[in-house]
PDB file of N, CA and C in Angstrom:
ATOM      1  N   UNK A   1      -5.585   3.956  13.169  1.00  0.00           N
ATOM      2  CA  UNK A   1      -5.083   3.231  13.440  1.00  0.00           C
ATOM      3  C   UNK A   1      -3.770   2.626  13.908  1.00  0.00           C
ATOM      4  N   UNK A   2      -2.856   1.948  13.685  1.00  0.00           N
ATOM      5  CA  UNK A   2      -1.274   1.916  14.062  1.00  0.00           C
ATOM      6  C   UNK A   2      -0.556   3.182  13.548  1.00  0.00           C
ATOM      7  N   UNK A   3      -0.621   3.018  11.921  1.00  0.00           N
ATOM      8  CA  UNK A   3      -0.310   3.801  10.631  1.00  0.00           C
ATOM      9  C   UNK A   3       0.011   5.782  11.553  1.00  0.00           C
ATOM     10  N   UNK A   4      -0.985   5.382  11.903  1.00  0.00           N
ATOM     11  CA  UNK A   4      -2.012   7.344  12.248  1.00  0.00           C
ATOM     12  C   UNK A   4      -1.311   7.355  13.641  1.00  0.00           C
ATOM     13  N   UNK A   5      -1.398   6.824  14.587  1.00  0.00           N
ATOM     14  CA  UNK A   5      -0.908   7.133  15.750  1.00  0.00           C
ATOM     15  C   UNK A   5       0.443   6.699  16.130  1.00  0.00           C
ATOM     16  N   UNK A   6       1.773   6.158  15.115  1.00  0.00           N
ATOM     17  CA  UNK A   6       2.567   6.319  15.148  1.00  0.00           C
ATOM     18  C   UNK A   6       3.152   7.800  13.979  1.00  0.00           C
ATOM     19  N   UNK A   7       2.318   8.248  13.464  1.00  0.00           N
ATOM     20  CA  UNK A   7       2.994   9.483  12.882  1.00  0.00           C
ATOM     21  C   UNK A   7       2.239  10.694  13.919  1.00  0.00           C
ATOM     22  N   UNK A   8       1.469  10.005  14.264  1.00  0.00           N
ATOM     23  CA  UNK A   8       1.359  11.898  14.986  1.00  0.00           C
ATOM     24  C   UNK A   8       2.277  11.857  16.028  1.00  0.00           C
ATOM     25  N   UNK A   9       2.626  10.395  16.155  1.00  0.00           N
ATOM     26  CA  UNK A   9       3.597  10.280  17.910  1.00  0.00           C
ATOM     27  C   UNK A   9       5.079  10.281  17.458  1.00  0.00           C
ATOM     28  N   UNK A  10       5.347  10.252  16.188  1.00  0.00           N
ATOM     29  CA  UNK A  10       6.052  10.555  15.769  1.00  0.00           C
ATOM     30  C   UNK A  10       7.621  11.703  16.586  1.00  0.00           C
ATOM     31  N   UNK A  11       6.988  12.108  16.366  1.00  0.00           N
ATOM     32  CA  UNK A  11       7.873  13.472  17.125  1.00  0.00           C
ATOM     33  C   UNK A  11       7.678  12.977  18.826  1.00  0.00           C
ATOM     34  N   UNK A  12       6.935  11.870  19.702  1.00  0.00           N
ATOM     35  CA  UNK A  12       7.072  12.163  21.037  1.00  0.00           C
ATOM     36  C   UNK A  12       7.423  12.558  21.886  1.00  0.00           C
ATOM     37  N   UNK A  13       8.216  13.000  22.517  1.00  0.00           N
ATOM     38  CA  UNK A  13       8.498  13.217  23.890  1.00  0.00           C
ATOM     39  C   UNK A  13       8.767  13.875  23.498  1.00  0.00           C
ATOM     40  N   UNK A  14       9.503  14.811  22.128  1.00  0.00           N
ATOM     41  CA  UNK A  14       9.776  16.027  22.066  1.00  0.00           C
ATOM     42  C   UNK A  14       8.622  17.053  21.453  1.00  0.00           C
ATOM     43  N   UNK A  15       7.486  16.989  20.859  1.00  0.00           N
ATOM     44  CA  UNK A  15       6.846  17.844  21.006  1.00  0.00           C
ATOM     45  C   UNK A  15       5.069  17.995  21.882  1.00  0.00           C
ATOM     46  N   UNK A  16       5.461  16.425  22.776  1.00  0.00           N
ATOM     47  CA  UNK A  16       4.694  16.198  23.786  1.00  0.00           C
ATOM     48  C   UNK A  16       5.234  16.714  24.744  1.00  0.00           C
ATOM     49  N   UNK A  17       6.307  17.147  24.876  1.00  0.00           N
ATOM     50  CA  UNK A  17       6.870  17.859  26.083  1.00  0.00           C
ATOM     51  C   UNK A  17       5.933  19.375  26.099  1.00  0.00           C
ATOM     52  N   UNK A  18       5.700  20.114  25.267  1.00  0.00           N
ATOM     53  CA  UNK A  18       5.253  21.278  25.343  1.00  0.00           C
ATOM     54  C   UNK A  18       3.587  21.128  25.088  1.00  0.00           C
ATOM     55  N   UNK A  19       2.624  20.302  25.576  1.00  0.00           N
ATOM     56  CA  UNK A  19       1.389  20.432  25.103  1.00  0.00           C
ATOM     57  C   UNK A  19       1.233  21.225  24.631  1.00  0.00           C
ATOM     58  N   UNK A  20       1.207  22.867  24.666  1.00  0.00           N
ATOM     59  CA  UNK A  20       0.574  24.124  24.181  1.00  0.00           C
ATOM     60  C   UNK A  20       0.613  24.011  22.823  1.00  0.00           C
ATOM     61  N   UNK A  21       1.863  23.639  22.583  1.00  0.00           N
ATOM     62  CA  UNK A  21       1.896  23.459  20.891  1.00  0.00           C
ATOM     63  C   UNK A  21       0.832  23.686  20.290  1.00  0.00           C
ATOM     64  N   UNK A  22       0.805  24.029  19.069  1.00  0.00           N
ATOM     65  CA  UNK A  22      -0.363  23.623  18.154  1.00  0.00           C
ATOM     66  C   UNK A  22      -0.438  22.822  17.755  1.00  0.00           C
ATOM     67  N   UNK A  23      -1.610  21.817  17.332  1.00  0.00           N
ATOM     68  CA  UNK A  23      -1.250  21.191  16.651  1.00  0.00           C
ATOM     69  C   UNK A  23      -1.235  20.866  14.735  1.00  0.00           C
ATOM     70  N   UNK A  24      -0.661  21.696  14.358  1.00  0.00           N
ATOM     71  CA  UNK A  24      -0.152  22.459  12.535  1.00  0.00           C
ATOM     72  C   UNK A  24       1.204  22.279  12.959  1.00  0.00           C
ATOM     73  N   UNK A  25       1.550  22.811  14.266  1.00  0.00           N
ATOM     74  CA  UNK A  25       3.852  23.004  14.578  1.00  0.00           C
ATOM     75  C   UNK A  25       3.451  20.795  14.511  1.00  0.00           C
ATOM     76  N   UNK A  26       2.498  20.674  15.169  1.00  0.00           N
ATOM     77  CA  UNK A  26       3.009  19.402  15.987  1.00  0.00           C
ATOM     78  C   UNK A  26       2.977  17.854  14.233  1.00  0.00           C
ATOM     79  N   UNK A  27       1.630  18.626  13.832  1.00  0.00           N
ATOM     80  CA  UNK A  27       2.398  17.857  12.227  1.00  0.00           C
ATOM     81  C   UNK A  27       3.244  18.287  11.684  1.00  0.00           C
ATOM     82  N   UNK A  28       3.711  18.893  11.568  1.00  0.00           N
ATOM     83  CA  UNK A  28       4.682  19.544  10.371  1.00  0.00           C
ATOM     84  C   UNK A  28       6.013  18.849  10.957  1.00  0.00           C
ATOM     85  N   UNK A  29       6.141  18.809  12.481  1.00  0.00           N
ATOM     86  CA  UNK A  29       6.773  17.823  13.402  1.00  0.00           C
ATOM     87  C   UNK A  29       7.296  16.183  12.445  1.00  0.00           C
ATOM     88  N   UNK A  30       5.339  15.852  12.586  1.00  0.00           N
ATOM     89  CA  UNK A  30       5.837  14.902  11.895  1.00  0.00           C
ATOM     90  C   UNK A  30       6.289  14.248  11.116  1.00  0.00           C
ATOM     91  N   UNK A  31       6.025  15.298   9.735  1.00  0.00           N
ATOM     92  CA  UNK A  31       5.627  14.806   8.753  1.00  0.00           C
ATOM     93  C   UNK A  31       7.821  14.973   8.208  1.00  0.00           C
ATOM     94  N   UNK A  32       8.739  15.940   9.449  1.00  0.00           N
ATOM     95  CA  UNK A  32       9.695  16.625   9.404  1.00  0.00           C
ATOM     96  C   UNK A  32      10.230  14.999   9.678  1.00  0.00           C
ATOM     97  N   UNK A  33       9.506  14.522  10.939  1.00  0.00           N
ATOM     98  CA  UNK A  33      10.070  12.389  10.749  1.00  0.00           C
ATOM     99  C   UNK A  33       9.722  12.005   9.859  1.00  0.00           C
ATOM    100  N   UNK A  34       8.958  11.711  10.163  1.00  0.00           N
ATOM    101  CA  UNK A  34       8.368  10.657   8.620  1.00  0.00           C
ATOM    102  C   UNK A  34       9.531  11.200   7.400  1.00  0.00           C
ATOM    103  N   UNK A  35       9.974  12.181   7.102  1.00  0.00           N
ATOM    104  CA  UNK A  35      10.204  12.601   5.151  1.00  0.00           C
ATOM    105  C   UNK A  35      12.105  11.774   5.830  1.00  0.00           C
ATOM    106  N   UNK A  36      12.168  12.304   6.641  1.00  0.00           N
ATOM    107  CA  UNK A  36      14.006  11.595   7.687  1.00  0.00           C
ATOM    108  C   UNK A  36      14.247  10.526   7.135  1.00  0.00           C
ATOM    109  N   UNK A  37      12.383   9.157   7.296  1.00  0.00           N
ATOM    110  CA  UNK A  37      12.979   8.095   6.682  1.00  0.00           C
ATOM    111  C   UNK A  37      12.943   7.536   5.194  1.00  0.00           C
ATOM    112  N   UNK A  38      12.912   6.777   4.487  1.00  0.00           N
ATOM    113  CA  UNK A  38      12.969   6.190   3.439  1.00  0.00           C
ATOM    114  C   UNK A  38      11.605   6.693   3.259  1.00  0.00           C
ATOM    115  N   UNK A  39      11.710   6.973   1.508  1.00  0.00           N
ATOM    116  CA  UNK A  39      10.106   6.965   1.709  1.00  0.00           C
ATOM    117  C   UNK A  39       9.494   5.899   0.839  1.00  0.00           C
ATOM    118  N   UNK A  40       9.894   4.944   0.827  1.00  0.00           N
ATOM    119  CA  UNK A  40      10.091   3.485   0.790  1.00  0.00           C
ATOM    120  C   UNK A  40       8.934   3.022   1.007  1.00  0.00           C
ATOM    121  N   UNK A  41      10.164   3.143   2.561  1.00  0.00           N
ATOM    122  CA  UNK A  41      10.153   2.723   4.111  1.00  0.00           C
ATOM    123  C   UNK A  41       7.999   3.585   4.474  1.00  0.00           C
ATOM    124  N   UNK A  42       8.204   4.725   4.018  1.00  0.00           N
ATOM    125  CA  UNK A  42       6.998   5.113   4.426  1.00  0.00           C
ATOM    126  C   UNK A  42       5.801   4.998   3.650  1.00  0.00           C
ATOM    127  N   UNK A  43       6.013   4.644   2.933  1.00  0.00           N
ATOM    128  CA  UNK A  43       4.515   3.969   1.923  1.00  0.00           C
ATOM    129  C   UNK A  43       4.264   2.935   2.417  1.00  0.00           C
ATOM    130  N   UNK A  44       5.358   1.865   2.392  1.00  0.00           N
ATOM    131  CA  UNK A  44       4.797   0.507   3.009  1.00  0.00           C
ATOM    132  C   UNK A  44       4.289   0.433   4.028  1.00  0.00           C
ATOM    133  N   UNK A  45       4.740   1.502   5.318  1.00  0.00           N
ATOM    134  CA  UNK A  45       3.933   1.875   6.568  1.00  0.00           C
ATOM    135  C   UNK A  45       1.922   1.677   6.463  1.00  0.00           C
ATOM    136  N   UNK A  46       2.361   2.574   4.897  1.00  0.00           N
ATOM    137  CA  UNK A  46       0.671   3.902   4.787  1.00  0.00           C
ATOM    138  C   UNK A  46       0.217   1.819   4.218  1.00  0.00           C
ATOM    139  N   UNK A  47       0.675   1.366   3.053  1.00  0.00           N
ATOM    140  CA  UNK A  47      -0.290   0.592   2.728  1.00  0.00           C
ATOM    141  C   UNK A  47       0.156  -0.809   3.595  1.00  0.00           C
ATOM    142  N   UNK A  48       0.597  -0.779   4.786  1.00  0.00           N
ATOM    143  CA  UNK A  48       0.271  -2.263   5.647  1.00  0.00           C
ATOM    144  C   UNK A  48      -0.688  -1.476   6.171  1.00  0.00           C
ATOM    145  N   UNK A  49      -1.304  -0.080   6.685  1.00  0.00           N
ATOM    146  CA  UNK A  49      -2.123   0.794   7.564  1.00  0.00           C
ATOM    147  C   UNK A  49      -3.319   0.261   7.195  1.00  0.00           C
ATOM    148  N   UNK A  50      -2.553   0.558   5.303  1.00  0.00           N
ATOM    149  CA  UNK A  50      -4.403   0.767   4.734  1.00  0.00           C
ATOM    150  C   UNK A  50      -5.097  -1.040   4.731  1.00  0.00           C
ATOM    151  N   UNK A  51      -4.425  -2.127   4.710  1.00  0.00           N
ATOM    152  CA  UNK A  51      -4.683  -3.292   4.020  1.00  0.00           C
ATOM    153  C   UNK A  51      -5.769  -3.877   5.733  1.00  0.00           C
ATOM    154  N   UNK A  52      -7.271  -3.691   5.276  1.00  0.00           N
ATOM    155  CA  UNK A  52      -8.000  -4.010   6.620  1.00  0.00           C
ATOM    156  C   UNK A  52      -7.967  -5.565   6.411  1.00  0.00           C
ATOM    157  N   UNK A  53      -6.996  -6.267   5.382  1.00  0.00           N
ATOM    158  CA  UNK A  53      -6.972  -8.328   5.850  1.00  0.00           C
ATOM    159  C   UNK A  53      -6.609  -8.435   7.121  1.00  0.00           C
ATOM    160  N   UNK A  54      -5.182  -7.413   7.346  1.00  0.00           N
ATOM    161  CA  UNK A  54      -4.480  -7.982   8.486  1.00  0.00           C
ATOM    162  C   UNK A  54      -5.492  -7.369   9.447  1.00  0.00           C
ATOM    163  N   UNK A  55      -4.517  -8.297  10.549  1.00  0.00           N
ATOM    164  CA  UNK A  55      -4.391  -8.090  11.631  1.00  0.00           C
ATOM    165  C   UNK A  55      -3.890  -7.161  12.300  1.00  0.00           C
ATOM    166  N   UNK A  56      -4.556  -6.810  14.065  1.00  0.00           N
ATOM    167  CA  UNK A  56      -3.148  -5.701  14.109  1.00  0.00           C
ATOM    168  C   UNK A  56      -1.791  -6.344  14.401  1.00  0.00           C
ATOM    169  N   UNK A  57      -1.841  -7.429  14.715  1.00  0.00           N
ATOM    170  CA  UNK A  57      -0.634  -8.696  14.787  1.00  0.00           C
ATOM    171  C   UNK A  57       0.513  -8.349  13.947  1.00  0.00           C
ATOM    172  N   UNK A  58      -0.716  -9.070  12.851  1.00  0.00           N
ATOM    173  CA  UNK A  58      -0.129  -8.911  11.044  1.00  0.00           C
ATOM    174  C   UNK A  58       0.860  -7.648  10.629  1.00  0.00           C
ATOM    175  N   UNK A  59       0.237  -6.524  11.122  1.00  0.00           N
ATOM    176  CA  UNK A  59       0.635  -5.158  10.662  1.00  0.00           C
ATOM    177  C   UNK A  59       1.804  -5.344  11.257  1.00  0.00           C
ATOM    178  N   UNK A  60       1.522  -5.365  12.888  1.00  0.00           N
ATOM    179  CA  UNK A  60       2.781  -5.263  13.186  1.00  0.00           C
ATOM    180  C   UNK A  60       4.110  -6.089  13.169  1.00  0.00           C
ATOM    181  N   UNK A  61       4.253  -6.870  12.504  1.00  0.00           N
ATOM    182  CA  UNK A  61       4.694  -7.503  12.226  1.00  0.00           C
ATOM    183  C   UNK A  61       5.691  -7.323  10.941  1.00  0.00           C
ATOM    184  N   UNK A  62       4.443  -6.658  10.751  1.00  0.00           N
ATOM    185  CA  UNK A  62       4.777  -6.679   8.500  1.00  0.00           C
ATOM    186  C   UNK A  62       6.360  -5.186   9.308  1.00  0.00           C
ATOM    187  N   UNK A  63       5.165  -4.480   9.804  1.00  0.00           N
ATOM    188  CA  UNK A  63       6.109  -3.009  10.216  1.00  0.00           C
ATOM    189  C   UNK A  63       7.640  -3.669  10.631  1.00  0.00           C
ATOM    190  N   UNK A  64       7.331  -4.563  11.749  1.00  0.00           N
ATOM    191  CA  UNK A  64       9.084  -4.984  12.714  1.00  0.00           C
ATOM    192  C   UNK A  64       9.806  -5.254  10.551  1.00  0.00           C
ATOM    193  N   UNK A  65       8.732  -6.155   9.499  1.00  0.00           N
ATOM    194  CA  UNK A  65       9.829  -6.532   8.893  1.00  0.00           C
ATOM    195  C   UNK A  65      10.355  -4.850   8.052  1.00  0.00           C
ATOM    196  N   UNK A  66       9.929  -4.113   8.585  1.00  0.00           N
ATOM    197  CA  UNK A  66      10.348  -2.884   7.325  1.00  0.00           C
ATOM    198  C   UNK A  66      11.282  -3.254   7.629  1.00  0.00           C
ATOM    199  N   UNK A  67      11.293  -2.528   9.483  1.00  0.00           N
ATOM    200  CA  UNK A  67      11.574  -1.440   9.983  1.00  0.00           C
ATOM    201  C   UNK A  67      13.405  -2.354   9.707  1.00  0.00           C
ATOM    202  N   UNK A  68      13.809  -3.877  10.268  1.00  0.00           N
ATOM    203  CA  UNK A  68      14.458  -4.478   9.321  1.00  0.00           C
ATOM    204  C   UNK A  68      14.991  -3.693   7.948  1.00  0.00           C
ATOM    205  N   UNK A  69      14.591  -4.322   6.821  1.00  0.00           N
ATOM    206  CA  UNK A  69      15.002  -3.513   5.439  1.00  0.00           C
ATOM    207  C   UNK A  69      15.189  -2.666   5.643  1.00  0.00           C
ATOM    208  N   UNK A  70      15.173  -1.497   6.408  1.00  0.00           N
ATOM    209  CA  UNK A  70      16.000  -0.125   6.641  1.00  0.00           C
ATOM    210  C   UNK A  70      18.022   0.218   6.704  1.00  0.00           C
ATOM    211  N   UNK A  71      18.737   0.760   6.128  1.00  0.00           N
ATOM    212  CA  UNK A  71      19.670   1.239   6.231  1.00  0.00           C
ATOM    213  C   UNK A  71      19.334   0.948   7.940  1.00  0.00           C
ATOM    214  N   UNK A  72      21.093   0.516   8.893  1.00  0.00           N
ATOM    215  CA  UNK A  72      20.757   0.250  10.542  1.00  0.00           C
ATOM    216  C   UNK A  72      21.026   2.075  10.720  1.00  0.00           C
ATOM    217  N   UNK A  73      21.294   2.899  10.045  1.00  0.00           N
ATOM    218  CA  UNK A  73      21.241   4.756  10.781  1.00  0.00           C
ATOM    219  C   UNK A  73      19.917   4.536  10.690  1.00  0.00           C
ATOM    220  N   UNK A  74      18.902   4.167  10.572  1.00  0.00           N
ATOM    221  CA  UNK A  74      17.242   4.395  10.443  1.00  0.00           C
ATOM    222  C   UNK A  74      16.807   3.449  10.509  1.00  0.00           C
ATOM    223  N   UNK A  75      17.422   2.359  11.358  1.00  0.00           N
ATOM    224  CA  UNK A  75      16.098   1.160  12.451  1.00  0.00           C
ATOM    225  C   UNK A  75      16.517   1.936  13.551  1.00  0.00           C
ATOM    226  N   UNK A  76      17.173   1.892  14.016  1.00  0.00           N
ATOM    227  CA  UNK A  76      16.884   2.244  15.486  1.00  0.00           C
ATOM    228  C   UNK A  76      16.019   3.768  16.485  1.00  0.00           C
ATOM    229  N   UNK A  77      16.279   4.700  14.999  1.00  0.00           N
ATOM    230  CA  UNK A  77      14.763   5.804  14.917  1.00  0.00           C
ATOM    231  C   UNK A  77      13.703   5.087  14.755  1.00  0.00           C
ATOM    232  N   UNK A  78      13.314   4.176  14.261  1.00  0.00           N
ATOM    233  CA  UNK A  78      12.307   3.509  13.326  1.00  0.00           C
ATOM    234  C   UNK A  78      11.470   2.805  14.421  1.00  0.00           C
ATOM    235  N   UNK A  79      12.418   1.683  15.513  1.00  0.00           N
ATOM    236  CA  UNK A  79      12.546   1.315  16.416  1.00  0.00           C
ATOM    237  C   UNK A  79      11.549   2.049  16.972  1.00  0.00           C
ATOM    238  N   UNK A  80      12.059   2.581  17.728  1.00  0.00           N
ATOM    239  CA  UNK A  80      11.610   4.137  19.068  1.00  0.00           C
ATOM    240  C   UNK A  80      10.321   4.292  18.301  1.00  0.00           C
ATOM    241  N   UNK A  81      10.620   4.649  17.044  1.00  0.00           N
ATOM    242  CA  UNK A  81       9.186   5.311  16.083  1.00  0.00           C
ATOM    243  C   UNK A  81       7.596   4.171  16.560  1.00  0.00           C
ATOM    244  N   UNK A  82       8.045   2.798  16.040  1.00  0.00           N
ATOM    245  CA  UNK A  82       7.357   2.160  17.087  1.00  0.00           C
ATOM    246  C   UNK A  82       7.026   1.724  17.754  1.00  0.00           C
ATOM    247  N   UNK A  83       7.635   2.073  18.791  1.00  0.00           N
ATOM    248  CA  UNK A  83       7.938   0.970  20.317  1.00  0.00           C
ATOM    249  C   UNK A  83       6.992   1.926  20.810  1.00  0.00           C
ATOM    250  N   UNK A  84       6.550   3.227  21.031  1.00  0.00           N
ATOM    251  CA  UNK A  84       6.105   4.645  20.678  1.00  0.00           C
ATOM    252  C   UNK A  84       4.736   4.691  20.690  1.00  0.00           C
ATOM    253  N   UNK A  85       4.229   4.229  19.565  1.00  0.00           N
ATOM    254  CA  UNK A  85       3.309   4.270  18.973  1.00  0.00           C
ATOM    255  C   UNK A  85       2.054   3.339  19.155  1.00  0.00           C
ATOM    256  N   UNK A  86       3.058   1.983  20.037  1.00  0.00           N
ATOM    257  CA  UNK A  86       3.023   1.138  20.485  1.00  0.00           C
ATOM    258  C   UNK A  86       2.346   1.152  21.576  1.00  0.00           C
ATOM    259  N   UNK A  87       3.159   2.500  22.484  1.00  0.00           N
ATOM    260  CA  UNK A  87       2.945   2.296  24.042  1.00  0.00           C
ATOM    261  C   UNK A  87       1.665   3.577  23.797  1.00  0.00           C
ATOM    262  N   UNK A  88       1.640   4.039  23.012  1.00  0.00           N
ATOM    263  CA  UNK A  88       0.367   5.500  23.212  1.00  0.00           C
ATOM    264  C   UNK A  88      -0.649   4.993  22.860  1.00  0.00           C
ATOM    265  N   UNK A  89      -1.150   3.688  21.678  1.00  0.00           N
ATOM    266  CA  UNK A  89      -2.070   3.251  21.574  1.00  0.00           C
ATOM    267  C   UNK A  89      -2.915   2.348  22.692  1.00  0.00           C
ATOM    268  N   UNK A  90      -1.887   1.970  22.958  1.00  0.00           N
ATOM    269  CA  UNK A  90      -2.637   1.212  24.568  1.00  0.00           C
ATOM    270  C   UNK A  90      -3.349   2.514  25.747  1.00  0.00           C
ATOM    271  N   UNK A  91      -2.586   3.224  25.156  1.00  0.00           N
ATOM    272  CA  UNK A  91      -2.930   4.631  26.351  1.00  0.00           C
ATOM    273  C   UNK A  91      -4.697   4.611  26.437  1.00  0.00           C
TER     274      UNK A  91
END
């Protein structure tokens, strides 16, 4: 789902620049990126992802709302995170 995509690609270009990096190292970077966000935000993303009643567009809308509720200094990073995840989902 989208949250999984976002989580895996949270570290985006940095981790992907070195494709030889093993998955465990990649996952640690993902965790570090996620833990730099407000825990309530991460929890909200997980709840949205697990809600199978929502369409993909509804999930994106709710994630966008969750990002808008973040402190300003976290919003830009969260938006990059979302855009990168969506972009990877299309590939």
